[in-house]
């Protein structure tokens, strides 16, 4: 499966927020942010924290595609 956090990065630009500011607001670690930067999967709990901090849905943050799509 392929993970993409491009929607999240675009949302941060629209909100004029840095990745570090989002990380602190959501209460996630730098390791989680690094995984997201590499488009690696992260725990649902972390995704929920980010969605709550940014007041959006999970589908506004991550896009998941099966291999071959």
PDB file of N, CA and C in Angstrom:
ATOM      1  N   UNK A   1       0.840  -1.186   0.000  1.00  0.00           N
ATOM      2  CA  UNK A   1       0.000   0.000   0.000  1.00  0.00           C
ATOM      3  C   UNK A   1       0.881   1.243   0.000  1.00  0.00           C
ATOM      4  N   UNK A   2       0.383   2.274  -0.647  1.00  0.00           N
ATOM      5  CA  UNK A   2       1.099   3.539  -0.721  1.00  0.00           C
ATOM      6  C   UNK A   2       0.348   4.583   0.107  1.00  0.00           C
ATOM      7  N   UNK A   3       1.079   5.294   0.927  1.00  0.00           N
ATOM      8  CA  UNK A   3       0.508   6.345   1.760  1.00  0.00           C
ATOM      9  C   UNK A   3       1.002   7.692   1.257  1.00  0.00           C
ATOM     10  N   UNK A   4       0.122   8.673   1.262  1.00  0.00           N
ATOM     11  CA  UNK A   4       0.501  10.017   0.851  1.00  0.00           C
ATOM     12  C   UNK A   4      -0.113  11.032   1.817  1.00  0.00           C
ATOM     13  N   UNK A   5       0.724  11.918   2.321  1.00  0.00           N
ATOM     14  CA  UNK A   5       0.273  12.966   3.235  1.00  0.00           C
ATOM     15  C   UNK A   5       0.260  14.329   2.541  1.00  0.00           C
ATOM     16  N   UNK A   6       0.243  14.324   1.203  1.00  0.00           N
ATOM     17  CA  UNK A   6       0.264  15.580   0.453  1.00  0.00           C
ATOM     18  C   UNK A   6      -0.905  16.487   0.801  1.00  0.00           C
ATOM     19  N   UNK A   7      -2.075  15.902   1.069  1.00  0.00           N
ATOM     20  CA  UNK A   7      -3.237  16.720   1.449  1.00  0.00           C
ATOM     21  C   UNK A   7      -2.946  17.494   2.733  1.00  0.00           C
ATOM     22  N   UNK A   8      -2.275  16.842   3.671  1.00  0.00           N
ATOM     23  CA  UNK A   8      -1.932  17.492   4.936  1.00  0.00           C
ATOM     24  C   UNK A   8      -0.950  18.639   4.698  1.00  0.00           C
ATOM     25  N   UNK A   9       0.074  18.385   3.899  1.00  0.00           N
ATOM     26  CA  UNK A   9       1.071  19.441   3.652  1.00  0.00           C
ATOM     27  C   UNK A   9       0.426  20.655   2.978  1.00  0.00           C
ATOM     28  N   UNK A  10      -0.492  20.403   2.040  1.00  0.00           N
ATOM     29  CA  UNK A  10      -1.193  21.510   1.379  1.00  0.00           C
ATOM     30  C   UNK A  10      -2.071  22.271   2.370  1.00  0.00           C
ATOM     31  N   UNK A  11      -2.723  21.525   3.282  1.00  0.00           N
ATOM     32  CA  UNK A  11      -3.577  22.168   4.285  1.00  0.00           C
ATOM     33  C   UNK A  11      -2.745  23.060   5.200  1.00  0.00           C
ATOM     34  N   UNK A  12      -1.560  22.600   5.573  1.00  0.00           N
ATOM     35  CA  UNK A  12      -0.697  23.411   6.432  1.00  0.00           C
ATOM     36  C   UNK A  12      -0.296  24.709   5.736  1.00  0.00           C
ATOM     37  N   UNK A  13      -0.023  24.634   4.442  1.00  0.00           N
ATOM     38  CA  UNK A  13       0.307  25.838   3.671  1.00  0.00           C
ATOM     39  C   UNK A  13      -0.883  26.802   3.678  1.00  0.00           C
ATOM     40  N   UNK A  14      -2.083  26.252   3.445  1.00  0.00           N
ATOM     41  CA  UNK A  14      -3.287  27.088   3.432  1.00  0.00           C
ATOM     42  C   UNK A  14      -3.532  27.748   4.788  1.00  0.00           C
ATOM     43  N   UNK A  15      -3.190  27.043   5.873  1.00  0.00           N
ATOM     44  CA  UNK A  15      -3.400  27.568   7.221  1.00  0.00           C
ATOM     45  C   UNK A  15      -2.202  28.386   7.699  1.00  0.00           C
ATOM     46  N   UNK A  16      -1.185  28.522   6.834  1.00  0.00           N
ATOM     47  CA  UNK A  16       0.027  29.257   7.181  1.00  0.00           C
ATOM     48  C   UNK A  16       0.653  28.705   8.463  1.00  0.00           C
ATOM     49  N   UNK A  17       0.757  27.368   8.522  1.00  0.00           N
ATOM     50  CA  UNK A  17       1.267  26.672   9.700  1.00  0.00           C
ATOM     51  C   UNK A  17       2.453  25.800   9.280  1.00  0.00           C
ATOM     52  N   UNK A  18       3.489  25.784  10.103  1.00  0.00           N
ATOM     53  CA  UNK A  18       4.637  24.935   9.801  1.00  0.00           C
ATOM     54  C   UNK A  18       4.382  23.519  10.300  1.00  0.00           C
ATOM     55  N   UNK A  19       5.183  22.584   9.817  1.00  0.00           N
ATOM     56  CA  UNK A  19       5.061  21.197  10.281  1.00  0.00           C
ATOM     57  C   UNK A  19       5.355  21.107  11.776  1.00  0.00           C
ATOM     58  N   UNK A  20       6.318  21.889  12.242  1.00  0.00           N
ATOM     59  CA  UNK A  20       6.668  21.885  13.664  1.00  0.00           C
ATOM     60  C   UNK A  20       5.515  22.412  14.503  1.00  0.00           C
ATOM     61  N   UNK A  21       4.872  23.490  14.057  1.00  0.00           N
ATOM     62  CA  UNK A  21       3.724  24.025  14.787  1.00  0.00           C
ATOM     63  C   UNK A  21       2.605  22.989  14.857  1.00  0.00           C
ATOM     64  N   UNK A  22       2.354  22.291  13.749  1.00  0.00           N
ATOM     65  CA  UNK A  22       1.324  21.260  13.723  1.00  0.00           C
ATOM     66  C   UNK A  22       1.695  20.122  14.664  1.00  0.00           C
ATOM     67  N   UNK A  23       2.970  19.736  14.667  1.00  0.00           N
ATOM     68  CA  UNK A  23       3.431  18.648  15.527  1.00  0.00           C
ATOM     69  C   UNK A  23       3.198  18.968  16.995  1.00  0.00           C
ATOM     70  N   UNK A  24       3.515  20.172  17.395  1.00  0.00           N
ATOM     71  CA  UNK A  24       3.344  20.587  18.788  1.00  0.00           C
ATOM     72  C   UNK A  24       1.858  20.663  19.140  1.00  0.00           C
ATOM     73  N   UNK A  25       1.064  21.248  18.265  1.00  0.00           N
ATOM     74  CA  UNK A  25      -0.372  21.385  18.517  1.00  0.00           C
ATOM     75  C   UNK A  25      -1.056  20.021  18.630  1.00  0.00           C
ATOM     76  N   UNK A  26      -0.626  19.072  17.792  1.00  0.00           N
ATOM     77  CA  UNK A  26      -1.240  17.746  17.797  1.00  0.00           C
ATOM     78  C   UNK A  26      -0.645  16.844  18.884  1.00  0.00           C
ATOM     79  N   UNK A  27       0.506  17.201  19.399  1.00  0.00           N
ATOM     80  CA  UNK A  27       1.138  16.390  20.433  1.00  0.00           C
ATOM     81  C   UNK A  27       1.739  15.102  19.890  1.00  0.00           C
ATOM     82  N   UNK A  28       2.321  15.164  18.698  1.00  0.00           N
ATOM     83  CA  UNK A  28       2.970  13.987  18.129  1.00  0.00           C
ATOM     84  C   UNK A  28       4.483  14.178  18.160  1.00  0.00           C
ATOM     85  N   UNK A  29       5.216  13.084  18.041  1.00  0.00           N
ATOM     86  CA  UNK A  29       6.674  13.148  18.133  1.00  0.00           C
ATOM     87  C   UNK A  29       7.315  13.513  16.798  1.00  0.00           C
ATOM     88  N   UNK A  30       8.584  13.877  16.879  1.00  0.00           N
ATOM     89  CA  UNK A  30       9.335  14.181  15.664  1.00  0.00           C
ATOM     90  C   UNK A  30       9.506  12.924  14.811  1.00  0.00           C
ATOM     91  N   UNK A  31       9.560  11.757  15.455  1.00  0.00           N
ATOM     92  CA  UNK A  31       9.689  10.500  14.707  1.00  0.00           C
ATOM     93  C   UNK A  31       8.462  10.267  13.824  1.00  0.00           C
ATOM     94  N   UNK A  32       7.287  10.570  14.336  1.00  0.00           N
ATOM     95  CA  UNK A  32       6.056  10.407  13.558  1.00  0.00           C
ATOM     96  C   UNK A  32       6.077  11.366  12.378  1.00  0.00           C
ATOM     97  N   UNK A  33       6.482  12.588  12.619  1.00  0.00           N
ATOM     98  CA  UNK A  33       6.566  13.578  11.550  1.00  0.00           C
ATOM     99  C   UNK A  33       7.565  13.136  10.477  1.00  0.00           C
ATOM    100  N   UNK A  34       8.675  12.544  10.900  1.00  0.00           N
ATOM    101  CA  UNK A  34       9.676  12.051   9.952  1.00  0.00           C
ATOM    102  C   UNK A  34       9.105  10.917   9.106  1.00  0.00           C
ATOM    103  N   UNK A  35       8.355  10.015   9.729  1.00  0.00           N
ATOM    104  CA  UNK A  35       7.719   8.923   8.976  1.00  0.00           C
ATOM    105  C   UNK A  35       6.755   9.483   7.940  1.00  0.00           C
ATOM    106  N   UNK A  36       6.000  10.497   8.323  1.00  0.00           N
ATOM    107  CA  UNK A  36       5.056  11.115   7.397  1.00  0.00           C
ATOM    108  C   UNK A  36       5.792  11.768   6.235  1.00  0.00           C
ATOM    109  N   UNK A  37       6.940  12.339   6.507  1.00  0.00           N
ATOM    110  CA  UNK A  37       7.741  12.959   5.460  1.00  0.00           C
ATOM    111  C   UNK A  37       8.227  11.953   4.432  1.00  0.00           C
ATOM    112  N   UNK A  38       8.335  10.694   4.864  1.00  0.00           N
ATOM    113  CA  UNK A  38       8.758   9.613   3.969  1.00  0.00           C
ATOM    114  C   UNK A  38       7.568   8.827   3.420  1.00  0.00           C
ATOM    115  N   UNK A  39       6.358   9.329   3.659  1.00  0.00           N
ATOM    116  CA  UNK A  39       5.123   8.664   3.230  1.00  0.00           C
ATOM    117  C   UNK A  39       5.014   7.240   3.761  1.00  0.00           C
ATOM    118  N   UNK A  40       5.407   7.057   5.024  1.00  0.00           N
ATOM    119  CA  UNK A  40       5.283   5.763   5.686  1.00  0.00           C
ATOM    120  C   UNK A  40       4.022   5.763   6.542  1.00  0.00           C
ATOM    121  N   UNK A  41       3.459   4.580   6.817  1.00  0.00           N
ATOM    122  CA  UNK A  41       2.251   4.526   7.645  1.00  0.00           C
ATOM    123  C   UNK A  41       2.549   4.911   9.094  1.00  0.00           C
ATOM    124  N   UNK A  42       1.575   5.563   9.728  1.00  0.00           N
ATOM    125  CA  UNK A  42       1.685   5.890  11.149  1.00  0.00           C
ATOM    126  C   UNK A  42       0.431   5.377  11.851  1.00  0.00           C
ATOM    127  N   UNK A  43       0.458   5.360  13.161  1.00  0.00           N
ATOM    128  CA  UNK A  43      -0.649   4.818  13.950  1.00  0.00           C
ATOM    129  C   UNK A  43      -1.915   5.667  13.797  1.00  0.00           C
ATOM    130  N   UNK A  44      -3.046   4.989  13.857  1.00  0.00           N
ATOM    131  CA  UNK A  44      -4.344   5.668  13.751  1.00  0.00           C
ATOM    132  C   UNK A  44      -4.497   6.713  14.856  1.00  0.00           C
ATOM    133  N   UNK A  45      -3.974   6.420  16.022  1.00  0.00           N
ATOM    134  CA  UNK A  45      -4.043   7.360  17.146  1.00  0.00           C
ATOM    135  C   UNK A  45      -3.370   8.684  16.784  1.00  0.00           C
ATOM    136  N   UNK A  46      -2.242   8.600  16.115  1.00  0.00           N
ATOM    137  CA  UNK A  46      -1.521   9.812  15.709  1.00  0.00           C
ATOM    138  C   UNK A  46      -2.302  10.583  14.652  1.00  0.00           C
ATOM    139  N   UNK A  47      -2.883   9.853  13.701  1.00  0.00           N
ATOM    140  CA  UNK A  47      -3.710  10.508  12.681  1.00  0.00           C
ATOM    141  C   UNK A  47      -4.891  11.223  13.329  1.00  0.00           C
ATOM    142  N   UNK A  48      -5.502  10.577  14.323  1.00  0.00           N
ATOM    143  CA  UNK A  48      -6.643  11.173  15.012  1.00  0.00           C
ATOM    144  C   UNK A  48      -6.231  12.446  15.755  1.00  0.00           C
ATOM    145  N   UNK A  49      -5.062  12.440  16.366  1.00  0.00           N
ATOM    146  CA  UNK A  49      -4.570  13.632  17.070  1.00  0.00           C
ATOM    147  C   UNK A  49      -4.390  14.800  16.102  1.00  0.00           C
ATOM    148  N   UNK A  50      -3.840  14.498  14.927  1.00  0.00           N
ATOM    149  CA  UNK A  50      -3.619  15.545  13.920  1.00  0.00           C
ATOM    150  C   UNK A  50      -4.956  16.082  13.419  1.00  0.00           C
ATOM    151  N   UNK A  51      -5.885  15.173  13.117  1.00  0.00           N
ATOM    152  CA  UNK A  51      -7.199  15.585  12.630  1.00  0.00           C
ATOM    153  C   UNK A  51      -7.917  16.446  13.669  1.00  0.00           C
ATOM    154  N   UNK A  52      -7.806  16.065  14.932  1.00  0.00           N
ATOM    155  CA  UNK A  52      -8.446  16.834  16.009  1.00  0.00           C
ATOM    156  C   UNK A  52      -7.808  18.222  16.129  1.00  0.00           C
ATOM    157  N   UNK A  53      -6.492  18.274  16.067  1.00  0.00           N
ATOM    158  CA  UNK A  53      -5.787  19.553  16.194  1.00  0.00           C
ATOM    159  C   UNK A  53      -6.119  20.497  15.045  1.00  0.00           C
ATOM    160  N   UNK A  54      -6.299  19.940  13.845  1.00  0.00           N
ATOM    161  CA  UNK A  54      -6.574  20.773  12.669  1.00  0.00           C
ATOM    162  C   UNK A  54      -8.064  20.874  12.352  1.00  0.00           C
ATOM    163  N   UNK A  55      -8.878  20.230  13.165  1.00  0.00           N
ATOM    164  CA  UNK A  55     -10.340  20.233  13.001  1.00  0.00           C
ATOM    165  C   UNK A  55     -10.733  19.822  11.586  1.00  0.00           C
ATOM    166  N   UNK A  56     -10.284  18.616  11.217  1.00  0.00           N
ATOM    167  CA  UNK A  56     -10.604  18.088   9.893  1.00  0.00           C
ATOM    168  C   UNK A  56     -10.792  16.578  10.001  1.00  0.00           C
ATOM    169  N   UNK A  57     -11.102  15.946   8.900  1.00  0.00           N
ATOM    170  CA  UNK A  57     -11.286  14.504   8.880  1.00  0.00           C
ATOM    171  C   UNK A  57     -10.012  13.788   8.474  1.00  0.00           C
ATOM    172  N   UNK A  58      -9.981  12.476   8.714  1.00  0.00           N
ATOM    173  CA  UNK A  58      -8.806  11.679   8.353  1.00  0.00           C
ATOM    174  C   UNK A  58      -8.542  11.718   6.851  1.00  0.00           C
ATOM    175  N   UNK A  59      -9.613  11.750   6.055  1.00  0.00           N
ATOM    176  CA  UNK A  59      -9.436  11.781   4.604  1.00  0.00           C
ATOM    177  C   UNK A  59      -8.866  13.107   4.113  1.00  0.00           C
ATOM    178  N   UNK A  60      -8.845  14.120   4.993  1.00  0.00           N
ATOM    179  CA  UNK A  60      -8.214  15.400   4.649  1.00  0.00           C
ATOM    180  C   UNK A  60      -6.709  15.370   4.905  1.00  0.00           C
ATOM    181  N   UNK A  61      -6.238  14.297   5.552  1.00  0.00           N
ATOM    182  CA  UNK A  61      -4.842  14.206   5.973  1.00  0.00           C
ATOM    183  C   UNK A  61      -4.054  13.194   5.150  1.00  0.00           C
ATOM    184  N   UNK A  62      -4.612  12.004   5.017  1.00  0.00           N
ATOM    185  CA  UNK A  62      -3.867  10.903   4.395  1.00  0.00           C
ATOM    186  C   UNK A  62      -4.647  10.297   3.243  1.00  0.00           C
ATOM    187  N   UNK A  63      -3.912   9.871   2.235  1.00  0.00           N
ATOM    188  CA  UNK A  63      -4.503   9.175   1.093  1.00  0.00           C
ATOM    189  C   UNK A  63      -3.796   7.826   1.009  1.00  0.00           C
ATOM    190  N   UNK A  64      -4.578   6.764   0.956  1.00  0.00           N
ATOM    191  CA  UNK A  64      -4.029   5.414   0.908  1.00  0.00           C
ATOM    192  C   UNK A  64      -4.436   4.758  -0.401  1.00  0.00           C
ATOM    193  N   UNK A  65      -3.449   4.246  -1.111  1.00  0.00           N
ATOM    194  CA  UNK A  65      -3.714   3.570  -2.376  1.00  0.00           C
ATOM    195  C   UNK A  65      -3.106   2.177  -2.324  1.00  0.00           C
ATOM    196  N   UNK A  66      -3.821   1.229  -2.903  1.00  0.00           N
ATOM    197  CA  UNK A  66      -3.281  -0.124  -3.023  1.00  0.00           C
ATOM    198  C   UNK A  66      -2.176  -0.096  -4.073  1.00  0.00           C
ATOM    199  N   UNK A  67      -1.218  -0.977  -3.923  1.00  0.00           N
ATOM    200  CA  UNK A  67      -0.160  -1.084  -4.932  1.00  0.00           C
ATOM    201  C   UNK A  67      -0.789  -1.438  -6.263  1.00  0.00           C
ATOM    202  N   UNK A  68      -0.371  -0.772  -7.306  1.00  0.00           N
ATOM    203  CA  UNK A  68      -0.905  -1.046  -8.621  1.00  0.00           C
ATOM    204  C   UNK A  68      -1.986  -0.083  -9.063  1.00  0.00           C
ATOM    205  N   UNK A  69      -2.414   0.801  -8.168  1.00  0.00           N
ATOM    206  CA  UNK A  69      -3.441   1.798  -8.547  1.00  0.00           C
ATOM    207  C   UNK A  69      -2.773   3.021  -9.107  1.00  0.00           C
TER     208      UNK A  69
END
